[in-house]
Amino acid sequence: MLEEAINTSEIEGEFFSREEVLSSIQRNLGITPGANEKGDKNAMGVGKLMTMVRESYHEPLTGQTLFDWHRTLLPDSDWINVGAYRTNESPMQVVSGAIGKQTIHFEAPPSHLVPQEMKTYITWFNSSRVQGASGIKLAPVRSAIAHLYFESIHPFEDGNGRIGRAIAEKALSQGLGRPVLLSLSDAIQTRKKAYYTQLEYAQRTTEITDWITWFTDLVLEAQHRAEIQIDFTLGKVRFFDRFEGILNERQLKVIRRMFEFGPDGFEGGMNARKYIAIAKTSKATATRDLQNLLDIGAFVHYGTAGGRSTRYQVDL
C-alpha cells in the first residue's frame, strides 16, 4: 500500500515523505489510531485513499465513491473543484512541448458530456463484475478496460491518473474476491514512458487488444515485484532473528540503513567509508565491525573483494 501511494503520486510529479504516508496508512488501518495527524495534508490524503480503496473493494462503484476519493486525495486544493466532475468549458487536453509548438496527445470529451459518460461508465463497471449482468471473468482484462475507459473520460480537473489506477486496483480485487496484494504504480514507474505511449495509442482507436495485452503483462510484473518485496521482508525478519543479541548498536544502525533501500539493495554495497559516515565511528572500528559481520555470516562480499575497494552486502 505504501509503494502504491508513493509511486502513484510520483507518476504525477508529486513527491511525499514516506514516513508521513506510512503514518497515514497505519492510522487509517487502526494500527496506530492515536498517531499525530499533523503534516502534509496531501501525503496523508493519498495514504488514506489507499485504505479506502482496500476496505471498500467489494462495494459497487458510485459517483459518490469517486467524489469521496477525490476529496480525500486533494484535501489542500483550492484552485480546482474538488469532489465534483469538471465543469470548465476549456478543452481537457494532454499536451507536451513548448508554447506554440505543443503536441496534443489526447482530448477528453467536453465537460457537459462528463456526467452522462460517467453514468454509463459506472453502470458498465458494476455490471462487468464476474457475477454481474455482463461479467468479465478475467480480472486483469476488466481492470485494463476500466482504467482506459476512465482515463479517456478524464472526469476530474486533477487527480484522474491516481483515481484511475485506484479503480484498476478495485477491479483486480473484485476479481480475486479479496484486496489485491501488489502495486500497479510501482510497476508503471519502471515502464512509465511505455505506459503513456500505450495509453495514448489506445485512446485514439476502438481496437484495444494491444492495450489489454500490455496492461495484463503489467499486472503480472506488479505481482512479481510484490513477491520480491514479500520475500525481502521475510528475509529481514529471519535475519534479525538469526543475529538477535549478537550485533552491536553500530552494526544494527548500518544494517537498518541498508535495509531501507529495499530489495534492490544498498547501491554500490557497503564499504568502510560509508560505514564510518553512517555509524559515526573511526576507521579502525569500522574495519573491525565489517570483518566481524563477514565472519559471522551477516555480510557477504559484494563484487570483487580486496583492498580499499572491498564492499559488502547483507546476506539474506
Protein backbone atom coordinates (compact mmCIF):
# COMPACT_ATOMS: atom_id res chain seq x y z
CA MET A 1 0.00 0.00 0.00
CA LEU A 2 2.88 2.34 0.79
CA GLU A 3 4.58 1.59 -2.54
CA GLU A 4 1.31 2.22 -4.39
CA ALA A 5 0.73 5.53 -2.58
CA ILE A 6 4.26 6.79 -3.18
CA ASN A 7 4.52 5.68 -6.80
CA THR A 8 1.03 6.74 -7.95
CA SER A 9 1.94 10.23 -6.68
CA GLU A 10 5.41 10.28 -8.22
CA ILE A 11 3.98 9.35 -11.62
CA GLU A 12 2.11 12.67 -11.44
CA GLY A 13 5.20 14.57 -10.27
CA GLU A 14 4.32 14.71 -6.54
CA PHE A 15 6.90 13.54 -4.02
CA PHE A 16 5.81 12.87 -0.46
CA SER A 17 7.57 11.81 2.73
CA ARG A 18 7.37 8.01 3.05
CA GLU A 19 7.09 8.41 6.83
CA GLU A 20 4.04 10.70 6.58
CA VAL A 21 2.29 8.45 4.05
CA LEU A 22 3.06 5.33 6.09
CA SER A 23 1.79 7.03 9.25
CA SER A 24 -1.47 7.87 7.46
CA ILE A 25 -1.93 4.29 6.23
CA GLN A 26 -1.23 2.85 9.68
CA ARG A 27 -3.58 5.31 11.36
CA ASN A 28 -6.43 4.63 8.91
CA LEU A 29 -5.96 0.86 9.28
CA GLY A 30 -6.26 1.27 13.05
CA ILE A 31 -2.68 0.10 13.69
CA THR A 32 -1.70 3.42 15.31
CA PRO A 33 -5.08 5.10 15.96
CA GLY A 34 -3.63 7.80 18.20
CA ALA A 35 -0.89 8.87 15.78
CA ASN A 36 -0.33 12.57 15.11
CA GLU A 37 -2.37 13.82 12.15
CA LYS A 38 -0.23 16.91 11.58
CA GLY A 39 1.83 17.08 8.41
CA ASP A 40 1.38 17.34 4.66
CA LYS A 41 -2.36 17.04 4.05
CA ASN A 42 -1.87 15.65 0.54
CA ALA A 43 0.56 13.00 1.83
CA MET A 44 -1.97 12.00 4.47
CA GLY A 45 -4.72 12.09 1.84
CA VAL A 46 -3.08 9.65 -0.55
CA GLY A 47 -2.37 7.33 2.40
CA LYS A 48 -6.00 7.45 3.45
CA LEU A 49 -7.12 6.81 -0.14
CA MET A 50 -5.17 3.54 -0.17
CA THR A 51 -7.10 2.28 2.85
CA MET A 52 -10.44 3.45 1.43
CA VAL A 53 -9.84 1.56 -1.82
CA ARG A 54 -8.75 -1.55 0.07
CA GLU A 55 -11.57 -1.63 2.60
CA SER A 56 -14.37 -0.94 0.08
CA TYR A 57 -13.12 -3.11 -2.79
CA HIS A 58 -16.21 -5.35 -2.69
CA GLU A 59 -18.70 -2.48 -2.82
CA PRO A 60 -20.26 -1.26 -6.10
CA LEU A 61 -18.67 1.83 -7.67
CA THR A 62 -20.76 5.00 -7.35
CA GLY A 63 -20.36 8.65 -8.25
CA GLN A 64 -20.30 9.45 -4.54
CA THR A 65 -17.44 6.98 -4.04
CA LEU A 66 -15.40 8.78 -6.69
CA PHE A 67 -16.20 12.19 -5.19
CA ASP A 68 -15.12 10.96 -1.75
CA TRP A 69 -11.87 9.60 -3.20
CA HIS A 70 -11.26 12.90 -4.98
CA ARG A 71 -11.77 14.98 -1.81
CA THR A 72 -9.52 12.61 0.14
CA LEU A 73 -6.77 12.73 -2.48
CA LEU A 74 -6.76 16.53 -2.88
CA PRO A 75 -7.67 17.99 0.53
CA ASP A 76 -5.47 21.05 0.11
CA SER A 77 -6.51 22.09 -3.41
CA ASP A 78 -8.26 25.45 -3.62
CA TRP A 79 -7.73 26.03 -7.34
CA ILE A 80 -9.94 23.21 -8.64
CA ASN A 81 -13.46 21.98 -7.98
CA VAL A 82 -12.77 19.13 -5.52
CA GLY A 83 -15.30 16.34 -5.12
CA ALA A 84 -17.12 17.09 -8.35
CA TYR A 85 -16.75 16.46 -12.07
CA ARG A 86 -15.08 19.14 -14.15
CA THR A 87 -17.24 21.96 -15.48
CA ASN A 88 -14.68 24.19 -17.18
CA GLU A 89 -15.62 24.79 -20.81
CA SER A 90 -11.97 24.81 -21.95
CA PRO A 91 -10.87 21.56 -23.65
CA MET A 92 -9.34 18.97 -21.31
CA GLN A 93 -6.18 18.07 -23.19
CA VAL A 94 -2.98 16.14 -22.54
CA VAL A 95 -0.23 18.15 -24.21
CA SER A 96 3.56 18.35 -24.36
CA GLY A 97 6.12 20.64 -25.93
CA ALA A 98 6.93 24.36 -25.83
CA ILE A 99 4.20 27.01 -26.08
CA GLY A 100 3.21 27.42 -29.69
CA LYS A 101 4.66 24.01 -30.59
CA GLN A 102 2.55 21.78 -28.39
CA THR A 103 1.60 18.26 -29.32
CA ILE A 104 -1.92 17.27 -28.32
CA HIS A 105 -1.76 13.64 -27.22
CA PHE A 106 -5.38 13.36 -26.21
CA GLU A 107 -8.52 15.45 -25.81
CA ALA A 108 -11.22 14.24 -23.43
CA PRO A 109 -14.96 14.66 -24.01
CA PRO A 110 -16.21 18.20 -23.26
CA SER A 111 -17.30 18.90 -19.69
CA HIS A 112 -21.04 18.99 -20.41
CA LEU A 113 -20.89 15.34 -21.52
CA VAL A 114 -18.99 14.09 -18.46
CA PRO A 115 -21.98 13.38 -16.15
CA GLN A 116 -23.67 11.15 -18.74
CA GLU A 117 -20.37 9.49 -19.73
CA MET A 118 -19.65 8.72 -16.07
CA LYS A 119 -23.16 7.38 -15.52
CA THR A 120 -22.59 4.99 -18.42
CA TYR A 121 -19.13 4.12 -17.12
CA ILE A 122 -20.30 3.35 -13.58
CA THR A 123 -23.14 1.18 -14.91
CA TRP A 124 -20.65 -0.73 -17.09
CA PHE A 125 -18.14 -1.15 -14.24
CA ASN A 126 -20.70 -2.65 -11.87
CA SER A 127 -22.30 -4.91 -14.49
CA SER A 128 -18.90 -6.20 -15.65
CA ARG A 129 -18.08 -7.90 -12.34
CA VAL A 130 -17.77 -11.67 -12.63
CA GLN A 131 -21.22 -12.11 -11.12
CA GLY A 132 -22.65 -9.07 -12.98
CA ALA A 133 -25.05 -8.92 -15.93
CA SER A 134 -22.12 -8.64 -18.38
CA GLY A 135 -19.44 -10.24 -16.26
CA ILE A 136 -15.81 -10.31 -17.42
CA LYS A 137 -14.23 -13.42 -15.93
CA LEU A 138 -10.58 -12.38 -16.23
CA ALA A 139 -9.82 -9.70 -13.64
CA PRO A 140 -6.77 -8.18 -15.44
CA VAL A 141 -8.83 -7.74 -18.63
CA ARG A 142 -11.60 -5.92 -16.76
CA SER A 143 -9.01 -3.85 -14.89
CA ALA A 144 -7.33 -2.83 -18.17
CA ILE A 145 -10.61 -1.73 -19.74
CA ALA A 146 -11.78 0.04 -16.58
CA HIS A 147 -8.57 2.07 -16.38
CA LEU A 148 -8.57 3.01 -20.06
CA TYR A 149 -12.27 3.89 -20.06
CA PHE A 150 -11.90 6.16 -17.01
CA GLU A 151 -8.75 7.90 -18.26
CA SER A 152 -10.45 8.55 -21.61
CA ILE A 153 -13.39 10.33 -19.95
CA HIS A 154 -10.97 12.22 -17.65
CA PRO A 155 -13.84 13.37 -15.44
CA PHE A 156 -11.93 15.50 -12.93
CA GLU A 157 -9.87 18.66 -13.27
CA ASP A 158 -6.98 16.92 -11.49
CA GLY A 159 -6.24 13.51 -9.95
CA ASN A 160 -7.55 11.41 -12.85
CA GLY A 161 -4.42 9.26 -13.12
CA ARG A 162 -4.31 8.42 -9.42
CA ILE A 163 -8.03 7.67 -9.18
CA GLY A 164 -7.92 5.71 -12.44
CA ARG A 165 -5.20 3.47 -11.02
CA ALA A 166 -7.26 3.04 -7.83
CA ILE A 167 -10.19 1.88 -9.98
CA ALA A 168 -7.90 -0.60 -11.75
CA GLU A 169 -6.90 -1.98 -8.33
CA LYS A 170 -10.56 -2.19 -7.28
CA ALA A 171 -11.35 -4.22 -10.42
CA LEU A 172 -8.49 -6.64 -9.68
CA SER A 173 -9.55 -7.04 -6.05
CA GLN A 174 -13.16 -7.73 -7.03
CA GLY A 175 -11.95 -10.38 -9.48
CA LEU A 176 -9.87 -12.07 -6.76
CA GLY A 177 -12.51 -11.72 -4.08
CA ARG A 178 -10.01 -10.09 -1.70
CA PRO A 179 -7.78 -6.98 -1.65
CA VAL A 180 -5.07 -7.43 -4.26
CA LEU A 181 -1.51 -7.69 -2.91
CA LEU A 182 0.51 -5.70 -5.43
CA SER A 183 1.29 -2.15 -6.56
CA LEU A 184 0.36 -1.31 -10.14
CA SER A 185 2.02 2.09 -9.85
CA ASP A 186 5.29 0.53 -8.72
CA ALA A 187 5.35 -1.49 -11.96
CA ILE A 188 4.22 1.51 -14.03
CA GLN A 189 7.14 3.56 -12.68
CA THR A 190 9.55 1.12 -14.32
CA ARG A 191 7.66 1.41 -17.65
CA LYS A 192 6.42 4.99 -17.40
CA LYS A 193 7.19 6.03 -20.97
CA ALA A 194 5.62 2.85 -22.39
CA TYR A 195 2.60 3.35 -20.14
CA TYR A 196 1.81 6.75 -21.62
CA THR A 197 2.57 5.58 -25.15
CA GLN A 198 0.22 2.61 -24.84
CA LEU A 199 -2.46 4.73 -23.20
CA GLU A 200 -2.27 7.39 -25.91
CA TYR A 201 -2.50 4.84 -28.71
CA ALA A 202 -5.44 3.04 -27.11
CA GLN A 203 -7.32 6.32 -26.67
CA ARG A 204 -7.09 7.03 -30.41
CA THR A 205 -8.79 3.84 -31.55
CA THR A 206 -11.62 1.49 -30.63
CA GLU A 207 -9.26 -1.51 -31.01
CA ILE A 208 -7.82 -2.08 -27.55
CA THR A 209 -6.44 -5.62 -27.73
CA ASP A 210 -2.84 -4.37 -27.64
CA TRP A 211 -3.63 -2.25 -24.60
CA ILE A 212 -5.20 -5.19 -22.76
CA THR A 213 -2.21 -7.40 -23.58
CA TRP A 214 0.24 -4.74 -22.38
CA PHE A 215 -1.71 -4.00 -19.22
CA THR A 216 -2.05 -7.69 -18.34
CA ASP A 217 1.73 -8.03 -18.61
CA LEU A 218 1.98 -5.02 -16.29
CA VAL A 219 -0.27 -6.71 -13.71
CA LEU A 220 1.91 -9.84 -13.82
CA GLU A 221 5.03 -7.69 -13.40
CA ALA A 222 3.41 -5.96 -10.41
CA GLN A 223 2.64 -9.36 -8.88
CA HIS A 224 6.24 -10.48 -9.43
CA ARG A 225 7.57 -7.31 -7.78
CA ALA A 226 5.20 -7.84 -4.84
CA GLU A 227 6.54 -11.37 -4.36
CA ILE A 228 10.10 -10.00 -4.28
CA GLN A 229 9.03 -7.42 -1.67
CA ILE A 230 7.41 -10.10 0.48
CA ASP A 231 10.47 -12.37 0.25
CA PHE A 232 12.68 -9.43 1.19
CA THR A 233 10.51 -8.56 4.19
CA LEU A 234 10.51 -12.15 5.44
CA GLY A 235 14.25 -12.28 4.87
CA LYS A 236 14.72 -9.23 7.09
CA VAL A 237 12.71 -10.81 9.90
CA ARG A 238 14.71 -14.04 9.69
CA PHE A 239 17.97 -12.06 9.59
CA PHE A 240 17.23 -10.16 12.80
CA ASP A 241 16.01 -13.36 14.49
CA ARG A 242 19.24 -15.08 13.50
CA PHE A 243 21.53 -12.36 14.84
CA GLU A 244 19.49 -11.24 17.84
CA GLY A 245 21.79 -10.22 20.68
CA ILE A 246 24.91 -10.67 18.52
CA LEU A 247 25.15 -7.34 16.66
CA ASN A 248 26.35 -4.17 18.37
CA GLU A 249 24.50 -0.84 18.06
CA ARG A 250 26.79 0.44 15.30
CA GLN A 251 26.24 -2.68 13.22
CA LEU A 252 22.47 -2.55 13.75
CA LYS A 253 22.35 1.11 12.70
CA VAL A 254 24.24 0.41 9.47
CA ILE A 255 22.25 -2.71 8.59
CA ARG A 256 18.91 -0.97 9.21
CA ARG A 257 20.05 1.83 6.92
CA MET A 258 20.97 -0.70 4.23
CA PHE A 259 17.56 -2.38 4.53
CA GLU A 260 15.83 0.96 3.90
CA PHE A 261 16.81 0.63 0.24
CA GLY A 262 14.55 -2.37 -0.20
CA PRO A 263 15.01 -5.49 -2.34
CA ASP A 264 17.27 -3.70 -4.83
CA GLY A 265 19.84 -3.34 -2.07
CA PHE A 266 22.22 -0.64 -0.87
CA GLU A 267 23.62 0.95 -4.03
CA GLY A 268 27.25 0.04 -4.54
CA GLY A 269 27.35 -2.12 -1.42
CA MET A 270 28.75 -1.17 1.99
CA ASN A 271 32.40 -0.22 2.49
CA ALA A 272 34.50 1.23 5.31
CA ARG A 273 34.00 4.83 4.19
CA LYS A 274 30.20 4.53 4.15
CA TYR A 275 30.23 2.62 7.44
CA ILE A 276 32.22 5.41 9.11
CA ALA A 277 29.75 8.03 7.85
CA ILE A 278 26.63 6.15 8.98
CA ALA A 279 27.90 4.79 12.31
CA LYS A 280 29.90 7.95 13.15
CA THR A 281 32.90 5.88 14.18
CA SER A 282 36.64 5.56 13.49
CA LYS A 283 38.23 3.74 10.57
CA ALA A 284 39.72 1.09 12.87
CA THR A 285 36.35 0.38 14.49
CA ALA A 286 34.58 0.31 11.12
CA THR A 287 37.12 -2.17 9.72
CA ARG A 288 36.79 -4.37 12.80
CA ASP A 289 32.95 -4.27 12.68
CA LEU A 290 32.86 -5.12 8.98
CA GLN A 291 35.24 -8.05 9.40
CA ASN A 292 33.11 -9.36 12.27
CA LEU A 293 29.92 -9.12 10.16
CA LEU A 294 31.69 -11.10 7.45
CA ASP A 295 32.98 -13.71 9.92
CA ILE A 296 29.56 -14.40 11.49
CA GLY A 297 27.83 -14.65 8.11
CA ALA A 298 25.79 -11.44 8.33
CA PHE A 299 27.64 -9.96 5.35
CA VAL A 300 28.98 -11.40 2.12
CA HIS A 301 31.33 -9.79 -0.35
CA TYR A 302 29.73 -7.51 -2.94
CA GLY A 303 31.51 -7.71 -6.27
CA THR A 304 35.26 -8.21 -6.27
CA ALA A 305 36.80 -8.40 -2.80
CA GLY A 306 40.17 -6.98 -1.86
CA GLY A 307 41.92 -3.83 -0.65
CA ARG A 308 40.28 -0.45 -0.35
CA SER A 309 37.60 -1.42 -2.87
CA THR A 310 36.22 -4.22 -0.67
CA ARG A 311 32.45 -3.91 -0.41
CA TYR A 312 29.75 -5.94 1.32
CA GLN A 313 26.06 -6.69 1.19
CA VAL A 314 23.70 -8.20 3.74
CA ASP A 315 23.36 -11.96 3.41
CA LEU A 316 19.64 -12.83 3.32
